Amino acid sequence: MESGGRIDSSEELRFKFNGKSYTGFTGDTLASALSANGRFIRKVAGWGTAPKQAASRRYEHRFHHCDVLVVGAGPAGLAAALGAGRCGARVLLVDDQTEAGGYLLGSTIKIDKQPALSWVANTVDELDALPEVIRLSEASATGYYDQNFVTVLERQPDKDWVRERLWKVRARRVVLATGAIG
């Protein structure tokens, strides 16, 4: 045990991992025991092989401050973002879908005396015209922390050379309008 640190090589143990039998020693970690048995963790975990060369596109991060962060661009999220944007608030609207509208995209209802799809298109056009509104599609709020600090992962940023962008957002107010399961 003196030369092996916490591993006691005098005491062999048998264990199973993913249905296969292996041997290890008392004090050994699972990763160390699998590696000693000729198994590579990436392969055992189903991760495949590690890339041999650097990615062709960058991973970027951005810090952002806003008055209102709206998560979800269905009818409630669009209305919240539009109301805040019309008042001059700095708004960040985040939605995980490729286009805004939520369930309205497949609906035949009317909103403000217009078909749902027209209302969505008009609302999105107005939001895009407001100078203090930023709209992110294919972006997910991944964490909501103390004092309205929210992380957002943007999967399809606006630049070809950026693969993903992690936004670190501090908002005065957060509106969670992520829809409902119907």
Protein backbone atom coordinates (compact mmCIF):
# COMPACT_ATOMS: atom_id res chain seq x y z
CA MET A 1 0.00 0.00 0.00
CA GLU A 2 2.96 2.35 0.56
CA SER A 3 3.87 2.53 -3.14
CA GLY A 4 0.26 2.43 -4.42
CA GLY A 5 -1.11 5.29 -2.33
CA ARG A 6 -4.67 4.37 -1.33
CA ILE A 7 -4.71 1.25 -3.50
CA ASP A 8 -4.03 -1.98 -1.60
CA SER A 9 -2.72 -4.34 -4.32
CA SER A 10 -2.61 -7.24 -1.88
CA GLU A 11 -6.41 -7.35 -1.76
CA GLU A 12 -7.92 -8.18 -5.17
CA LEU A 13 -11.62 -7.53 -5.78
CA ARG A 14 -13.94 -8.77 -8.51
CA PHE A 15 -16.64 -6.47 -9.90
CA LYS A 16 -19.03 -6.24 -12.83
CA PHE A 17 -19.47 -3.25 -15.10
CA ASN A 18 -21.89 -3.19 -18.03
CA GLY A 19 -22.40 -6.95 -17.59
CA LYS A 20 -18.70 -7.86 -17.82
CA SER A 21 -16.46 -9.13 -15.00
CA TYR A 22 -13.29 -7.28 -14.06
CA THR A 23 -10.73 -7.28 -11.24
CA GLY A 24 -9.48 -4.38 -9.19
CA PHE A 25 -7.97 -3.66 -5.81
CA THR A 26 -9.23 -2.23 -2.54
CA GLY A 27 -9.08 1.58 -2.71
CA ASP A 28 -9.09 1.65 -6.53
CA THR A 29 -11.47 3.98 -8.37
CA LEU A 30 -13.77 2.55 -11.03
CA ALA A 31 -11.98 4.51 -13.75
CA SER A 32 -8.57 3.31 -12.60
CA ALA A 33 -9.71 -0.33 -12.34
CA LEU A 34 -11.28 -0.27 -15.81
CA SER A 35 -8.16 1.34 -17.27
CA ALA A 36 -5.96 -1.30 -15.61
CA ASN A 37 -8.16 -3.94 -17.26
CA GLY A 38 -7.50 -2.43 -20.67
CA ARG A 39 -10.88 -0.69 -20.94
CA PHE A 40 -10.97 2.96 -21.90
CA ILE A 41 -13.58 5.04 -20.12
CA ARG A 42 -14.73 6.90 -23.24
CA LYS A 43 -15.50 3.62 -24.99
CA VAL A 44 -17.13 1.96 -21.95
CA ALA A 45 -19.32 5.04 -21.38
CA GLY A 46 -20.35 5.10 -25.04
CA TRP A 47 -18.60 8.40 -25.73
CA GLY A 48 -16.65 7.15 -28.74
CA THR A 49 -13.17 8.45 -29.41
CA ALA A 50 -11.76 11.82 -28.48
CA PRO A 51 -11.16 14.16 -31.43
CA LYS A 52 -7.60 14.16 -32.77
CA GLN A 53 -7.66 17.75 -34.03
CA ALA A 54 -9.11 21.04 -32.89
CA ALA A 55 -12.70 21.92 -33.79
CA SER A 56 -13.07 24.00 -36.94
CA ARG A 57 -15.50 26.37 -35.24
CA ARG A 58 -15.19 28.18 -31.92
CA TYR A 59 -17.19 27.98 -28.72
CA GLU A 60 -17.92 31.49 -27.54
CA HIS A 61 -19.34 33.06 -24.41
CA ARG A 62 -21.01 36.40 -23.90
CA PHE A 63 -21.98 38.40 -20.82
CA HIS A 64 -25.28 40.24 -21.10
CA HIS A 65 -27.36 42.50 -18.84
CA CYS A 66 -31.03 43.16 -19.51
CA ASP A 67 -34.11 44.52 -17.80
CA VAL A 68 -36.28 41.53 -18.76
CA LEU A 69 -35.28 38.03 -19.78
CA VAL A 70 -38.17 36.06 -21.30
CA VAL A 71 -37.70 32.31 -21.58
CA GLY A 72 -40.12 30.87 -24.14
CA ALA A 73 -41.49 32.42 -27.34
CA GLY A 74 -44.97 30.97 -27.33
CA PRO A 75 -47.97 33.30 -26.98
CA ALA A 76 -47.25 34.27 -23.35
CA GLY A 77 -43.54 34.84 -23.96
CA LEU A 78 -44.13 36.87 -27.11
CA ALA A 79 -46.72 39.02 -25.32
CA ALA A 80 -44.41 39.56 -22.33
CA ALA A 81 -41.45 40.48 -24.53
CA LEU A 82 -43.58 42.81 -26.66
CA GLY A 83 -45.05 44.58 -23.64
CA ALA A 84 -41.63 45.11 -22.06
CA GLY A 85 -40.04 46.10 -25.38
CA ARG A 86 -42.74 48.69 -26.11
CA CYS A 87 -41.95 50.29 -22.74
CA GLY A 88 -38.30 50.67 -23.74
CA ALA A 89 -36.93 47.86 -21.56
CA ARG A 90 -33.83 45.97 -22.63
CA VAL A 91 -35.32 42.55 -23.44
CA LEU A 92 -33.70 39.21 -24.20
CA LEU A 93 -36.20 36.67 -25.61
CA VAL A 94 -34.94 33.08 -25.61
CA ASP A 95 -36.64 30.07 -27.21
CA ASP A 96 -35.38 26.56 -27.90
CA GLN A 97 -37.30 26.17 -31.17
CA THR A 98 -36.30 27.35 -34.65
CA GLU A 99 -39.25 29.71 -34.88
CA ALA A 100 -41.34 31.62 -32.38
CA GLY A 101 -45.00 30.89 -31.72
CA GLY A 102 -45.13 27.73 -29.64
CA TYR A 103 -48.41 25.88 -29.97
CA LEU A 104 -49.84 28.73 -32.05
CA LEU A 105 -47.87 27.44 -35.06
CA GLY A 106 -50.40 24.63 -35.39
CA SER A 107 -53.45 26.53 -34.20
CA THR A 108 -56.42 28.01 -36.02
CA ILE A 109 -57.49 30.37 -33.22
CA LYS A 110 -57.61 34.14 -33.59
CA ILE A 111 -55.71 36.65 -31.48
CA ASP A 112 -56.58 40.35 -31.71
CA LYS A 113 -59.01 39.48 -34.53
CA GLN A 114 -56.28 37.93 -36.70
CA PRO A 115 -55.26 34.31 -37.35
CA ALA A 116 -52.71 32.99 -34.85
CA LEU A 117 -49.95 32.69 -37.47
CA SER A 118 -50.46 36.31 -38.55
CA TRP A 119 -50.35 37.46 -34.94
CA VAL A 120 -47.08 35.56 -34.40
CA ALA A 121 -45.52 36.98 -37.59
CA ASN A 122 -46.60 40.55 -36.77
CA THR A 123 -45.40 40.26 -33.17
CA VAL A 124 -42.01 38.87 -34.23
CA ASP A 125 -41.64 41.64 -36.82
CA GLU A 126 -42.41 44.29 -34.20
CA LEU A 127 -39.99 42.71 -31.69
CA ASP A 128 -37.23 42.58 -34.30
CA ALA A 129 -37.79 46.28 -35.06
CA LEU A 130 -37.45 47.34 -31.40
CA PRO A 131 -33.88 48.54 -30.76
CA GLU A 132 -33.63 47.18 -27.20
CA VAL A 133 -34.91 43.65 -27.97
CA ILE A 134 -32.69 40.68 -28.77
CA ARG A 135 -34.36 37.48 -29.90
CA LEU A 136 -32.52 34.14 -29.75
CA SER A 137 -33.92 31.01 -31.36
CA GLU A 138 -32.49 27.51 -30.88
CA ALA A 139 -31.30 28.63 -27.46
CA SER A 140 -32.05 27.01 -24.11
CA ALA A 141 -31.94 28.48 -20.63
CA THR A 142 -29.76 25.88 -18.93
CA GLY A 143 -29.49 27.27 -15.41
CA TYR A 144 -31.30 29.80 -13.20
CA TYR A 145 -29.20 30.99 -10.27
CA ASP A 146 -29.33 33.53 -7.45
CA GLN A 147 -30.20 37.14 -8.21
CA ASN A 148 -31.62 36.38 -11.67
CA PHE A 149 -28.41 35.06 -13.15
CA VAL A 150 -29.32 32.72 -16.03
CA THR A 151 -27.13 30.74 -18.41
CA VAL A 152 -28.38 30.34 -21.97
CA LEU A 153 -26.88 27.99 -24.56
CA GLU A 154 -27.35 29.26 -28.11
CA ARG A 155 -26.95 26.35 -30.51
CA GLN A 156 -27.07 28.23 -33.84
CA PRO A 157 -25.31 31.58 -33.35
CA ASP A 158 -25.38 34.28 -36.00
CA LYS A 159 -21.77 33.68 -37.15
CA ASP A 160 -20.62 30.67 -39.20
CA TRP A 161 -17.36 30.32 -37.30
CA VAL A 162 -19.11 29.97 -33.91
CA ARG A 163 -20.42 26.49 -33.09
CA GLU A 164 -22.21 27.37 -29.82
CA ARG A 165 -22.42 30.44 -27.62
CA LEU A 166 -22.94 30.41 -23.86
CA TRP A 167 -24.69 33.55 -22.64
CA LYS A 168 -24.25 34.55 -19.00
CA VAL A 169 -27.24 36.79 -18.38
CA ARG A 170 -28.03 39.02 -15.42
CA ALA A 171 -31.64 40.21 -15.60
CA ARG A 172 -33.66 42.55 -13.43
CA ARG A 173 -36.73 40.42 -14.06
CA VAL A 174 -37.13 36.92 -15.47
CA VAL A 175 -40.34 35.70 -17.12
CA LEU A 176 -40.59 31.93 -17.46
CA ALA A 177 -43.08 31.32 -20.27
CA THR A 178 -42.06 27.82 -21.29
CA GLY A 179 -45.54 26.57 -22.13
CA ALA A 180 -47.50 23.68 -20.78
CA ILE A 181 -47.94 20.05 -21.67
CA GLY A 182 -51.42 19.72 -23.07
